[in-house]
Amino acid sequence: MLQDCWEETVAAKTVKPVECGVGCLLQIYPLEVSSQLIRLTDSKTPVGREQSCGLCLPDASVSRRHALIELVNNEYQVSDLGSTNGTMVNECRLTSAVLKPGDRLQFGSFIFKFLST
């Protein structure tokens, strides 16, 4: 009877690698009800307090030109641009880093989660 419930395991088929999709940031602090996914559609996204930045964060804890997120060889990278408070990835202050899905980025008092396919 129990033997009827068991099925043989079948080997998985080879799956094509997923091509790099559009990266996204999700603001997780400060939490706002209107927070939406921020799509990184440009190959370079400047982050800072200046209105000209692709990701404008109007807060004194963020430098005018704080960081740069860019797509290089199908990988997203973040680079600090000499900001006063630094750029943090997973709570470590870094000058630059390759981003992985789930990484936490901090620019001043703003914290984001990096998402990508």
PDB file of N, CA and C in Angstrom:
ATOM      1  N   MET A   1       0.809  -1.184   0.000  1.00  0.00           N
ATOM      2  CA  MET A   1       0.000   0.000   0.000  1.00  0.00           C
ATOM      3  C   MET A   1       0.860   1.259   0.000  1.00  0.00           C
ATOM      4  N   LEU A   2       1.817   1.333   0.941  1.00  0.00           N
ATOM      5  CA  LEU A   2       2.708   2.479   0.960  1.00  0.00           C
ATOM      6  C   LEU A   2       3.571   2.528  -0.287  1.00  0.00           C
ATOM      7  N   GLN A   3       3.874   1.381  -0.842  1.00  0.00           N
ATOM      8  CA  GLN A   3       4.712   1.336  -2.031  1.00  0.00           C
ATOM      9  C   GLN A   3       4.047   2.054  -3.199  1.00  0.00           C
ATOM     10  N   ASP A   4       2.734   2.094  -3.225  1.00  0.00           N
ATOM     11  CA  ASP A   4       2.027   2.763  -4.304  1.00  0.00           C
ATOM     12  C   ASP A   4       2.225   4.286  -4.255  1.00  0.00           C
ATOM     13  N   CYS A   5       2.530   4.831  -3.078  1.00  0.00           N
ATOM     14  CA  CYS A   5       2.695   6.284  -2.909  1.00  0.00           C
ATOM     15  C   CYS A   5       4.073   6.768  -3.348  1.00  0.00           C
ATOM     16  N   TRP A   6       5.036   5.896  -3.370  1.00  0.00           N
ATOM     17  CA  TRP A   6       6.399   6.299  -3.692  1.00  0.00           C
ATOM     18  C   TRP A   6       6.606   6.316  -5.193  1.00  0.00           C
ATOM     19  N   GLU A   7       7.228   7.375  -5.664  1.00  0.00           N
ATOM     20  CA  GLU A   7       7.570   7.464  -7.075  1.00  0.00           C
ATOM     21  C   GLU A   7       9.079   7.591  -7.188  1.00  0.00           C
ATOM     22  N   GLU A   8       9.588   7.163  -8.294  1.00  0.00           N
ATOM     23  CA  GLU A   8      11.021   7.236  -8.525  1.00  0.00           C
ATOM     24  C   GLU A   8      11.432   8.680  -8.803  1.00  0.00           C
ATOM     25  N   THR A   9      12.578   9.088  -8.268  1.00  0.00           N
ATOM     26  CA  THR A   9      13.092  10.430  -8.519  1.00  0.00           C
ATOM     27  C   THR A   9      13.624  10.502  -9.935  1.00  0.00           C
ATOM     28  N   VAL A  10      13.273  11.576 -10.620  1.00  0.00           N
ATOM     29  CA  VAL A  10      13.690  11.773 -12.002  1.00  0.00           C
ATOM     30  C   VAL A  10      14.739  12.881 -12.023  1.00  0.00           C
ATOM     31  N   ALA A  11      15.782  12.694 -12.812  1.00  0.00           N
ATOM     32  CA  ALA A  11      16.833  13.708 -12.915  1.00  0.00           C
ATOM     33  C   ALA A  11      16.266  14.983 -13.526  1.00  0.00           C
ATOM     34  N   ALA A  12      16.717  16.123 -13.005  1.00  0.00           N
ATOM     35  CA  ALA A  12      16.254  17.420 -13.511  1.00  0.00           C
ATOM     36  C   ALA A  12      16.818  17.661 -14.898  1.00  0.00           C
ATOM     37  N   LYS A  13      16.034  18.337 -15.711  1.00  0.00           N
ATOM     38  CA  LYS A  13      16.500  18.712 -17.044  1.00  0.00           C
ATOM     39  C   LYS A  13      17.445  19.898 -16.907  1.00  0.00           C
ATOM     40  N   THR A  14      18.333  20.033 -17.864  1.00  0.00           N
ATOM     41  CA  THR A  14      19.244  21.166 -17.858  1.00  0.00           C
ATOM     42  C   THR A  14      18.450  22.435 -18.117  1.00  0.00           C
ATOM     43  N   VAL A  15      18.688  23.421 -17.276  1.00  0.00           N
ATOM     44  CA  VAL A  15      17.976  24.686 -17.394  1.00  0.00           C
ATOM     45  C   VAL A  15      18.936  25.734 -17.932  1.00  0.00           C
ATOM     46  N   LYS A  16      18.450  26.531 -18.881  1.00  0.00           N
ATOM     47  CA  LYS A  16      19.287  27.602 -19.411  1.00  0.00           C
ATOM     48  C   LYS A  16      19.520  28.636 -18.321  1.00  0.00           C
ATOM     49  N   PRO A  17      20.717  29.219 -18.267  1.00  0.00           N
ATOM     50  CA  PRO A  17      20.952  30.261 -17.270  1.00  0.00           C
ATOM     51  C   PRO A  17      20.045  31.458 -17.524  1.00  0.00           C
ATOM     52  N   VAL A  18      19.625  32.077 -16.444  1.00  0.00           N
ATOM     53  CA  VAL A  18      18.772  33.248 -16.552  1.00  0.00           C
ATOM     54  C   VAL A  18      19.630  34.433 -16.954  1.00  0.00           C
ATOM     55  N   GLU A  19      19.171  35.170 -17.959  1.00  0.00           N
ATOM     56  CA  GLU A  19      19.910  36.352 -18.356  1.00  0.00           C
ATOM     57  C   GLU A  19      19.687  37.449 -17.328  1.00  0.00           C
ATOM     58  N   CYS A  20      20.641  38.337 -17.254  1.00  0.00           N
ATOM     59  CA  CYS A  20      20.558  39.406 -16.272  1.00  0.00           C
ATOM     60  C   CYS A  20      19.310  40.235 -16.512  1.00  0.00           C
ATOM     61  N   GLY A  21      18.504  40.369 -15.489  1.00  0.00           N
ATOM     62  CA  GLY A  21      17.298  41.177 -15.586  1.00  0.00           C
ATOM     63  C   GLY A  21      17.550  42.556 -15.009  1.00  0.00           C
ATOM     64  N   VAL A  22      16.508  43.322 -14.966  1.00  0.00           N
ATOM     65  CA  VAL A  22      16.611  44.657 -14.411  1.00  0.00           C
ATOM     66  C   VAL A  22      16.728  44.552 -12.900  1.00  0.00           C
ATOM     67  N   GLY A  23      17.703  45.224 -12.350  1.00  0.00           N
ATOM     68  CA  GLY A  23      17.842  45.255 -10.900  1.00  0.00           C
ATOM     69  C   GLY A  23      16.831  46.215 -10.302  1.00  0.00           C
ATOM     70  N   CYS A  24      16.489  45.984  -9.064  1.00  0.00           N
ATOM     71  CA  CYS A  24      15.534  46.835  -8.357  1.00  0.00           C
ATOM     72  C   CYS A  24      16.028  47.077  -6.941  1.00  0.00           C
ATOM     73  N   LEU A  25      15.609  48.188  -6.395  1.00  0.00           N
ATOM     74  CA  LEU A  25      15.848  48.485  -4.991  1.00  0.00           C
ATOM     75  C   LEU A  25      14.500  48.627  -4.310  1.00  0.00           C
ATOM     76  N   LEU A  26      14.394  48.105  -3.117  1.00  0.00           N
ATOM     77  CA  LEU A  26      13.197  48.252  -2.306  1.00  0.00           C
ATOM     78  C   LEU A  26      13.600  48.980  -1.033  1.00  0.00           C
ATOM     79  N   GLN A  27      13.006  50.162  -0.813  1.00  0.00           N
ATOM     80  CA  GLN A  27      13.335  50.926   0.389  1.00  0.00           C
ATOM     81  C   GLN A  27      12.745  50.218   1.596  1.00  0.00           C
ATOM     82  N   ILE A  28      13.604  49.880   2.574  1.00  0.00           N
ATOM     83  CA  ILE A  28      13.109  49.203   3.771  1.00  0.00           C
ATOM     84  C   ILE A  28      13.244  50.074   5.020  1.00  0.00           C
ATOM     85  N   TYR A  29      14.005  51.184   4.926  1.00  0.00           N
ATOM     86  CA  TYR A  29      14.069  52.122   6.040  1.00  0.00           C
ATOM     87  C   TYR A  29      14.454  53.489   5.507  1.00  0.00           C
ATOM     88  N   PRO A  30      13.827  54.573   5.892  1.00  0.00           N
ATOM     89  CA  PRO A  30      12.605  54.562   6.692  1.00  0.00           C
ATOM     90  C   PRO A  30      11.455  53.980   5.879  1.00  0.00           C
ATOM     91  N   LEU A  31      10.638  53.198   6.537  1.00  0.00           N
ATOM     92  CA  LEU A  31       9.533  52.531   5.867  1.00  0.00           C
ATOM     93  C   LEU A  31       8.445  53.540   5.555  1.00  0.00           C
ATOM     94  N   GLU A  32       8.052  53.560   4.306  1.00  0.00           N
ATOM     95  CA  GLU A  32       6.967  54.436   3.877  1.00  0.00           C
ATOM     96  C   GLU A  32       5.907  53.579   3.221  1.00  0.00           C
ATOM     97  N   VAL A  33       4.652  53.906   3.498  1.00  0.00           N
ATOM     98  CA  VAL A  33       3.544  53.131   2.938  1.00  0.00           C
ATOM     99  C   VAL A  33       3.588  53.163   1.416  1.00  0.00           C
ATOM    100  N   SER A  34       4.037  54.277   0.853  1.00  0.00           N
ATOM    101  CA  SER A  34       4.049  54.419  -0.601  1.00  0.00           C
ATOM    102  C   SER A  34       5.310  53.849  -1.248  1.00  0.00           C
ATOM    103  N   SER A  35       6.177  53.176  -0.481  1.00  0.00           N
ATOM    104  CA  SER A  35       7.415  52.629  -1.043  1.00  0.00           C
ATOM    105  C   SER A  35       7.106  51.654  -2.169  1.00  0.00           C
ATOM    106  N   GLN A  36       7.748  51.864  -3.296  1.00  0.00           N
ATOM    107  CA  GLN A  36       7.591  50.987  -4.444  1.00  0.00           C
ATOM    108  C   GLN A  36       8.971  50.517  -4.873  1.00  0.00           C
ATOM    109  N   LEU A  37       8.982  49.531  -5.757  1.00  0.00           N
ATOM    110  CA  LEU A  37      10.261  49.086  -6.304  1.00  0.00           C
ATOM    111  C   LEU A  37      10.861  50.201  -7.143  1.00  0.00           C
ATOM    112  N   ILE A  38      12.134  50.424  -6.969  1.00  0.00           N
ATOM    113  CA  ILE A  38      12.863  51.401  -7.770  1.00  0.00           C
ATOM    114  C   ILE A  38      13.639  50.604  -8.802  1.00  0.00           C
ATOM    115  N   ARG A  39      13.236  50.700 -10.041  1.00  0.00           N
ATOM    116  CA  ARG A  39      13.882  49.926 -11.108  1.00  0.00           C
ATOM    117  C   ARG A  39      15.142  50.646 -11.587  1.00  0.00           C
ATOM    118  N   LEU A  40      16.213  49.895 -11.692  1.00  0.00           N
ATOM    119  CA  LEU A  40      17.488  50.429 -12.166  1.00  0.00           C
ATOM    120  C   LEU A  40      17.546  50.207 -13.670  1.00  0.00           C
ATOM    121  N   THR A  41      16.887  51.072 -14.421  1.00  0.00           N
ATOM    122  CA  THR A  41      16.759  50.872 -15.865  1.00  0.00           C
ATOM    123  C   THR A  41      17.927  51.448 -16.653  1.00  0.00           C
ATOM    124  N   ASP A  42      18.672  52.380 -16.070  1.00  0.00           N
ATOM    125  CA  ASP A  42      19.832  52.949 -16.754  1.00  0.00           C
ATOM    126  C   ASP A  42      21.080  52.151 -16.405  1.00  0.00           C
ATOM    127  N   SER A  43      22.070  52.197 -17.281  1.00  0.00           N
ATOM    128  CA  SER A  43      23.309  51.468 -16.988  1.00  0.00           C
ATOM    129  C   SER A  43      24.067  52.115 -15.830  1.00  0.00           C
ATOM    130  N   LYS A  44      23.803  53.403 -15.578  1.00  0.00           N
ATOM    131  CA  LYS A  44      24.421  54.102 -14.447  1.00  0.00           C
ATOM    132  C   LYS A  44      23.334  54.882 -13.713  1.00  0.00           C
ATOM    133  N   THR A  45      23.241  54.663 -12.404  1.00  0.00           N
ATOM    134  CA  THR A  45      22.266  55.372 -11.574  1.00  0.00           C
ATOM    135  C   THR A  45      22.998  56.090 -10.446  1.00  0.00           C
ATOM    136  N   PRO A  46      23.163  57.411 -10.572  1.00  0.00           N
ATOM    137  CA  PRO A  46      23.766  58.160  -9.476  1.00  0.00           C
ATOM    138  C   PRO A  46      22.801  58.234  -8.290  1.00  0.00           C
ATOM    139  N   VAL A  47      23.352  58.144  -7.089  1.00  0.00           N
ATOM    140  CA  VAL A  47      22.572  58.215  -5.854  1.00  0.00           C
ATOM    141  C   VAL A  47      23.055  59.430  -5.076  1.00  0.00           C
ATOM    142  N   GLY A  48      22.135  60.254  -4.623  1.00  0.00           N
ATOM    143  CA  GLY A  48      22.537  61.408  -3.833  1.00  0.00           C
ATOM    144  C   GLY A  48      21.388  62.341  -3.535  1.00  0.00           C
ATOM    145  N   ARG A  49      21.750  63.464  -2.932  1.00  0.00           N
ATOM    146  CA  ARG A  49      20.770  64.470  -2.538  1.00  0.00           C
ATOM    147  C   ARG A  49      20.388  65.383  -3.696  1.00  0.00           C
ATOM    148  N   GLU A  50      21.263  65.502  -4.700  1.00  0.00           N
ATOM    149  CA  GLU A  50      20.986  66.377  -5.846  1.00  0.00           C
ATOM    150  C   GLU A  50      19.780  65.876  -6.624  1.00  0.00           C
ATOM    151  N   GLN A  51      18.977  66.828  -7.099  1.00  0.00           N
ATOM    152  CA  GLN A  51      17.780  66.466  -7.867  1.00  0.00           C
ATOM    153  C   GLN A  51      18.140  65.763  -9.172  1.00  0.00           C
ATOM    154  N   SER A  52      19.343  65.990  -9.687  1.00  0.00           N
ATOM    155  CA  SER A  52      19.746  65.372 -10.953  1.00  0.00           C
ATOM    156  C   SER A  52      20.089  63.887 -10.807  1.00  0.00           C
ATOM    157  N   CYS A  53      20.186  63.387  -9.578  1.00  0.00           N
ATOM    158  CA  CYS A  53      20.530  61.978  -9.349  1.00  0.00           C
ATOM    159  C   CYS A  53      19.364  61.076  -9.743  1.00  0.00           C
ATOM    160  N   GLY A  54      19.691  59.940 -10.319  1.00  0.00           N
ATOM    161  CA  GLY A  54      18.665  58.961 -10.679  1.00  0.00           C
ATOM    162  C   GLY A  54      17.902  58.463  -9.471  1.00  0.00           C
ATOM    163  N   LEU A  55      18.585  58.367  -8.328  1.00  0.00           N
ATOM    164  CA  LEU A  55      17.954  58.022  -7.057  1.00  0.00           C
ATOM    165  C   LEU A  55      18.233  59.182  -6.107  1.00  0.00           C
ATOM    166  N   CYS A  56      17.264  60.119  -6.025  1.00  0.00           N
ATOM    167  CA  CYS A  56      17.406  61.314  -5.205  1.00  0.00           C
ATOM    168  C   CYS A  56      16.875  61.028  -3.806  1.00  0.00           C
ATOM    169  N   LEU A  57      17.743  61.191  -2.802  1.00  0.00           N
ATOM    170  CA  LEU A  57      17.389  60.951  -1.404  1.00  0.00           C
ATOM    171  C   LEU A  57      17.556  62.263  -0.647  1.00  0.00           C
ATOM    172  N   PRO A  58      16.483  63.031  -0.507  1.00  0.00           N
ATOM    173  CA  PRO A  58      16.573  64.365   0.080  1.00  0.00           C
ATOM    174  C   PRO A  58      16.704  64.337   1.603  1.00  0.00           C
ATOM    175  N   ASP A  59      17.916  64.089   2.074  1.00  0.00           N
ATOM    176  CA  ASP A  59      18.168  64.025   3.508  1.00  0.00           C
ATOM    177  C   ASP A  59      19.608  64.472   3.750  1.00  0.00           C
ATOM    178  N   ALA A  60      19.836  65.187   4.849  1.00  0.00           N
ATOM    179  CA  ALA A  60      21.171  65.714   5.158  1.00  0.00           C
ATOM    180  C   ALA A  60      22.204  64.616   5.392  1.00  0.00           C
ATOM    181  N   SER A  61      21.778  63.380   5.685  1.00  0.00           N
ATOM    182  CA  SER A  61      22.725  62.280   5.911  1.00  0.00           C
ATOM    183  C   SER A  61      23.295  61.728   4.603  1.00  0.00           C
ATOM    184  N   VAL A  62      22.725  62.173   3.477  1.00  0.00           N
ATOM    185  CA  VAL A  62      23.146  61.713   2.151  1.00  0.00           C
ATOM    186  C   VAL A  62      23.921  62.843   1.483  1.00  0.00           C
ATOM    187  N   SER A  63      25.088  62.526   0.925  1.00  0.00           N
ATOM    188  CA  SER A  63      25.884  63.533   0.218  1.00  0.00           C
ATOM    189  C   SER A  63      25.203  63.908  -1.098  1.00  0.00           C
ATOM    190  N   ARG A  64      25.587  65.082  -1.634  1.00  0.00           N
ATOM    191  CA  ARG A  64      24.977  65.524  -2.905  1.00  0.00           C
ATOM    192  C   ARG A  64      25.173  64.484  -4.000  1.00  0.00           C
ATOM    193  N   ARG A  65      26.378  63.977  -4.140  1.00  0.00           N
ATOM    194  CA  ARG A  65      26.695  62.883  -5.083  1.00  0.00           C
ATOM    195  C   ARG A  65      27.294  61.785  -4.218  1.00  0.00           C
ATOM    196  N   HIS A  66      26.464  60.903  -3.710  1.00  0.00           N
ATOM    197  CA  HIS A  66      26.842  59.941  -2.678  1.00  0.00           C
ATOM    198  C   HIS A  66      27.480  58.673  -3.255  1.00  0.00           C
ATOM    199  N   ALA A  67      26.799  58.067  -4.240  1.00  0.00           N
ATOM    200  CA  ALA A  67      27.255  56.772  -4.769  1.00  0.00           C
ATOM    201  C   ALA A  67      26.793  56.616  -6.209  1.00  0.00           C
ATOM    202  N   LEU A  68      27.292  55.571  -6.839  1.00  0.00           N
ATOM    203  CA  LEU A  68      26.899  55.247  -8.209  1.00  0.00           C
ATOM    204  C   LEU A  68      26.605  53.756  -8.283  1.00  0.00           C
ATOM    205  N   ILE A  69      25.426  53.411  -8.806  1.00  0.00           N
ATOM    206  CA  ILE A  69      25.084  52.010  -9.071  1.00  0.00           C
ATOM    207  C   ILE A  69      25.152  51.843 -10.578  1.00  0.00           C
ATOM    208  N   GLU A  70      25.935  50.871 -11.035  1.00  0.00           N
ATOM    209  CA  GLU A  70      26.059  50.678 -12.482  1.00  0.00           C
ATOM    210  C   GLU A  70      26.049  49.207 -12.851  1.00  0.00           C
ATOM    211  N   LEU A  71      25.616  48.959 -14.078  1.00  0.00           N
ATOM    212  CA  LEU A  71      25.572  47.615 -14.632  1.00  0.00           C
ATOM    213  C   LEU A  71      26.828  47.423 -15.470  1.00  0.00           C
ATOM    214  N   VAL A  72      27.704  46.511 -15.030  1.00  0.00           N
ATOM    215  CA  VAL A  72      28.970  46.245 -15.711  1.00  0.00           C
ATOM    216  C   VAL A  72      29.086  44.739 -15.923  1.00  0.00           C
ATOM    217  N   ASN A  73      29.233  44.308 -17.165  1.00  0.00           N
ATOM    218  CA  ASN A  73      29.364  42.881 -17.487  1.00  0.00           C
ATOM    219  C   ASN A  73      28.253  42.045 -16.842  1.00  0.00           C
ATOM    220  N   ASN A  74      27.014  42.511 -16.984  1.00  0.00           N
ATOM    221  CA  ASN A  74      25.827  41.816 -16.456  1.00  0.00           C
ATOM    222  C   ASN A  74      25.813  41.687 -14.940  1.00  0.00           C
ATOM    223  N   GLU A  75      26.562  42.541 -14.241  1.00  0.00           N
ATOM    224  CA  GLU A  75      26.547  42.565 -12.777  1.00  0.00           C
ATOM    225  C   GLU A  75      26.338  44.003 -12.324  1.00  0.00           C
ATOM    226  N   TYR A  76      25.532  44.156 -11.284  1.00  0.00           N
ATOM    227  CA  TYR A  76      25.354  45.480 -10.703  1.00  0.00           C
ATOM    228  C   TYR A  76      26.448  45.719  -9.676  1.00  0.00           C
ATOM    229  N   GLN A  77      27.028  46.916  -9.738  1.00  0.00           N
ATOM    230  CA  GLN A  77      28.074  47.303  -8.801  1.00  0.00           C
ATOM    231  C   GLN A  77      27.681  48.628  -8.165  1.00  0.00           C
ATOM    232  N   VAL A  78      28.063  48.811  -6.922  1.00  0.00           N
ATOM    233  CA  VAL A  78      27.865  50.094  -6.261  1.00  0.00           C
ATOM    234  C   VAL A  78      29.235  50.634  -5.878  1.00  0.00           C
ATOM    235  N   SER A  79      29.424  51.926  -6.095  1.00  0.00           N
ATOM    236  CA  SER A  79      30.686  52.587  -5.745  1.00  0.00           C
ATOM    237  C   SER A  79      30.376  53.844  -4.954  1.00  0.00           C
ATOM    238  N   ASP A  80      31.086  54.032  -3.857  1.00  0.00           N
ATOM    239  CA  ASP A  80      30.954  55.252  -3.075  1.00  0.00           C
ATOM    240  C   ASP A  80      31.714  56.357  -3.801  1.00  0.00           C
ATOM    241  N   LEU A  81      31.160  57.556  -3.810  1.00  0.00           N
ATOM    242  CA  LEU A  81      31.792  58.677  -4.511  1.00  0.00           C
ATOM    243  C   LEU A  81      32.445  59.656  -3.534  1.00  0.00           C
ATOM    244  N   GLY A  82      33.035  59.118  -2.457  1.00  0.00           N
ATOM    245  CA  GLY A  82      33.694  59.959  -1.465  1.00  0.00           C
ATOM    246  C   GLY A  82      32.703  60.638  -0.531  1.00  0.00           C
ATOM    247  N   SER A  83      31.595  59.976  -0.278  1.00  0.00           N
ATOM    248  CA  SER A  83      30.548  60.550   0.575  1.00  0.00           C
ATOM    249  C   SER A  83      31.024  60.694   2.018  1.00  0.00           C
ATOM    250  N   THR A  84      30.406  61.606   2.739  1.00  0.00           N
ATOM    251  CA  THR A  84      30.759  61.849   4.142  1.00  0.00           C
ATOM    252  C   THR A  84      30.438  60.648   5.022  1.00  0.00           C
ATOM    253  N   ASN A  85      29.251  60.081   4.860  1.00  0.00           N
ATOM    254  CA  ASN A  85      28.808  58.985   5.731  1.00  0.00           C
ATOM    255  C   ASN A  85      29.053  57.595   5.150  1.00  0.00           C
ATOM    256  N   GLY A  86      29.628  57.522   3.968  1.00  0.00           N
ATOM    257  CA  GLY A  86      29.976  56.232   3.382  1.00  0.00           C
ATOM    258  C   GLY A  86      28.792  55.486   2.795  1.00  0.00           C
ATOM    259  N   THR A  87      29.121  54.450   2.048  1.00  0.00           N
ATOM    260  CA  THR A  87      28.140  53.547   1.460  1.00  0.00           C
ATOM    261  C   THR A  87      28.335  52.193   2.115  1.00  0.00           C
ATOM    262  N   MET A  88      27.260  51.639   2.619  1.00  0.00           N
ATOM    263  CA  MET A  88      27.319  50.360   3.327  1.00  0.00           C
ATOM    264  C   MET A  88      26.625  49.286   2.497  1.00  0.00           C
ATOM    265  N   VAL A  89      27.256  48.122   2.429  1.00  0.00           N
ATOM    266  CA  VAL A  89      26.638  46.937   1.834  1.00  0.00           C
ATOM    267  C   VAL A  89      26.680  45.857   2.902  1.00  0.00           C
ATOM    268  N   ASN A  90      25.507  45.388   3.290  1.00  0.00           N
ATOM    269  CA  ASN A  90      25.389  44.386   4.361  1.00  0.00           C
ATOM    270  C   ASN A  90      26.142  44.824   5.617  1.00  0.00           C
ATOM    271  N   GLU A  91      25.961  46.098   5.969  1.00  0.00           N
ATOM    272  CA  GLU A  91      26.504  46.703   7.187  1.00  0.00           C
ATOM    273  C   GLU A  91      28.022  46.876   7.187  1.00  0.00           C
ATOM    274  N   CYS A  92      28.666  46.733   6.028  1.00  0.00           N
ATOM    275  CA  CYS A  92      30.111  46.964   5.907  1.00  0.00           C
ATOM    276  C   CYS A  92      30.331  48.190   5.021  1.00  0.00           C
ATOM    277  N   ARG A  93      31.141  49.118   5.508  1.00  0.00           N
ATOM    278  CA  ARG A  93      31.452  50.310   4.717  1.00  0.00           C
ATOM    279  C   ARG A  93      32.453  49.924   3.640  1.00  0.00           C
ATOM    280  N   LEU A  94      32.093  50.201   2.386  1.00  0.00           N
ATOM    281  CA  LEU A  94      32.922  49.793   1.257  1.00  0.00           C
ATOM    282  C   LEU A  94      33.097  50.938   0.271  1.00  0.00           C
ATOM    283  N   THR A  95      34.182  50.890  -0.492  1.00  0.00           N
ATOM    284  CA  THR A  95      34.340  51.858  -1.573  1.00  0.00           C
ATOM    285  C   THR A  95      33.626  51.373  -2.825  1.00  0.00           C
ATOM    286  N   SER A  96      33.589  50.053  -3.035  1.00  0.00           N
ATOM    287  CA  SER A  96      32.824  49.486  -4.151  1.00  0.00           C
ATOM    288  C   SER A  96      32.551  48.013  -3.871  1.00  0.00           C
ATOM    289  N   ALA A  97      31.486  47.513  -4.499  1.00  0.00           N
ATOM    290  CA  ALA A  97      31.115  46.104  -4.312  1.00  0.00           C
ATOM    291  C   ALA A  97      30.210  45.661  -5.449  1.00  0.00           C
ATOM    292  N   VAL A  98      30.317  44.377  -5.795  1.00  0.00           N
ATOM    293  CA  VAL A  98      29.372  43.753  -6.724  1.00  0.00           C
ATOM    294  C   VAL A  98      28.153  43.371  -5.897  1.00  0.00           C
ATOM    295  N   LEU A  99      26.969  43.696  -6.392  1.00  0.00           N
ATOM    296  CA  LEU A  99      25.738  43.434  -5.650  1.00  0.00           C
ATOM    297  C   LEU A  99      25.169  42.064  -5.973  1.00  0.00           C
ATOM    298  N   LYS A 100      24.645  41.421  -4.937  1.00  0.00           N
ATOM    299  CA  LYS A 100      23.976  40.128  -5.081  1.00  0.00           C
ATOM    300  C   LYS A 100      22.537  40.296  -4.605  1.00  0.00           C
ATOM    301  N   PRO A 101      21.601  39.533  -5.184  1.00  0.00           N
ATOM    302  CA  PRO A 101      20.216  39.637  -4.722  1.00  0.00           C
ATOM    303  C   PRO A 101      20.131  39.439  -3.210  1.00  0.00           C
ATOM    304  N   GLY A 102      19.395  40.318  -2.564  1.00  0.00           N
ATOM    305  CA  GLY A 102      19.234  40.253  -1.114  1.00  0.00           C
ATOM    306  C   GLY A 102      20.170  41.166  -0.345  1.00  0.00           C
ATOM    307  N   ASP A 103      21.190  41.731  -1.014  1.00  0.00           N
ATOM    308  CA  ASP A 103      22.111  42.638  -0.327  1.00  0.00           C
ATOM    309  C   ASP A 103      21.363  43.855   0.208  1.00  0.00           C
ATOM    310  N   ARG A 104      21.831  44.339   1.364  1.00  0.00           N
ATOM    311  CA  ARG A 104      21.275  45.559   1.963  1.00  0.00           C
ATOM    312  C   ARG A 104      22.241  46.699   1.689  1.00  0.00           C
ATOM    313  N   LEU A 105      21.733  47.764   1.097  1.00  0.00           N
ATOM    314  CA  LEU A 105      22.539  48.945   0.800  1.00  0.00           C
ATOM    315  C   LEU A 105      22.094  50.079   1.699  1.00  0.00           C
ATOM    316  N   GLN A 106      23.064  50.821   2.222  1.00  0.00           N
ATOM    317  CA  GLN A 106      22.723  51.971   3.047  1.00  0.00           C
ATOM    318  C   GLN A 106      23.450  53.197   2.529  1.00  0.00           C
ATOM    319  N   PHE A 107      22.658  54.245   2.269  1.00  0.00           N
ATOM    320  CA  PHE A 107      23.157  55.557   1.881  1.00  0.00           C
ATOM    321  C   PHE A 107      22.635  56.526   2.934  1.00  0.00           C
ATOM    322  N   GLY A 108      23.503  57.019   3.813  1.00  0.00           N
ATOM    323  CA  GLY A 108      23.039  57.866   4.908  1.00  0.00           C
ATOM    324  C   GLY A 108      22.068  57.085   5.776  1.00  0.00           C
ATOM    325  N   SER A 109      20.902  57.669   6.033  1.00  0.00           N
ATOM    326  CA  SER A 109      19.915  56.984   6.882  1.00  0.00           C
ATOM    327  C   SER A 109      18.942  56.117   6.085  1.00  0.00           C
ATOM    328  N   PHE A 110      19.122  56.018   4.770  1.00  0.00           N
ATOM    329  CA  PHE A 110      18.236  55.210   3.925  1.00  0.00           C
ATOM    330  C   PHE A 110      18.806  53.811   3.738  1.00  0.00           C
ATOM    331  N   ILE A 111      17.964  52.804   3.892  1.00  0.00           N
ATOM    332  CA  ILE A 111      18.379  51.412   3.699  1.00  0.00           C
ATOM    333  C   ILE A 111      17.496  50.795   2.626  1.00  0.00           C
ATOM    334  N   PHE A 112      18.131  50.092   1.694  1.00  0.00           N
ATOM    335  CA  PHE A 112      17.438  49.438   0.585  1.00  0.00           C
ATOM    336  C   PHE A 112      17.837  47.971   0.533  1.00  0.00           C
ATOM    337  N   LYS A 113      16.974  47.163  -0.045  1.00  0.00           N
ATOM    338  CA  LYS A 113      17.304  45.772  -0.350  1.00  0.00           C
ATOM    339  C   LYS A 113      17.435  45.682  -1.863  1.00  0.00           C
ATOM    340  N   PHE A 114      18.532  45.062  -2.341  1.00  0.00           N
ATOM    341  CA  PHE A 114      18.762  44.899  -3.773  1.00  0.00           C
ATOM    342  C   PHE A 114      18.083  43.624  -4.245  1.00  0.00           C
ATOM    343  N   LEU A 115      17.309  43.741  -5.308  1.00  0.00           N
ATOM    344  CA  LEU A 115      16.619  42.598  -5.900  1.00  0.00           C
ATOM    345  C   LEU A 115      17.001  42.514  -7.366  1.00  0.00           C
ATOM    346  N   SER A 116      17.184  41.310  -7.880  1.00  0.00           N
ATOM    347  CA  SER A 116      17.507  41.126  -9.291  1.00  0.00           C
ATOM    348  C   SER A 116      17.170  39.706  -9.688  1.00  0.00           C
ATOM    349  N   THR A 117      16.887  39.519 -10.982  1.00  0.00           N
ATOM    350  CA  THR A 117      16.609  38.168 -11.484  1.00  0.00           C
ATOM    351  C   THR A 117      17.845  37.592 -12.107  1.00  0.00           C
TER     352      THR A 117
END
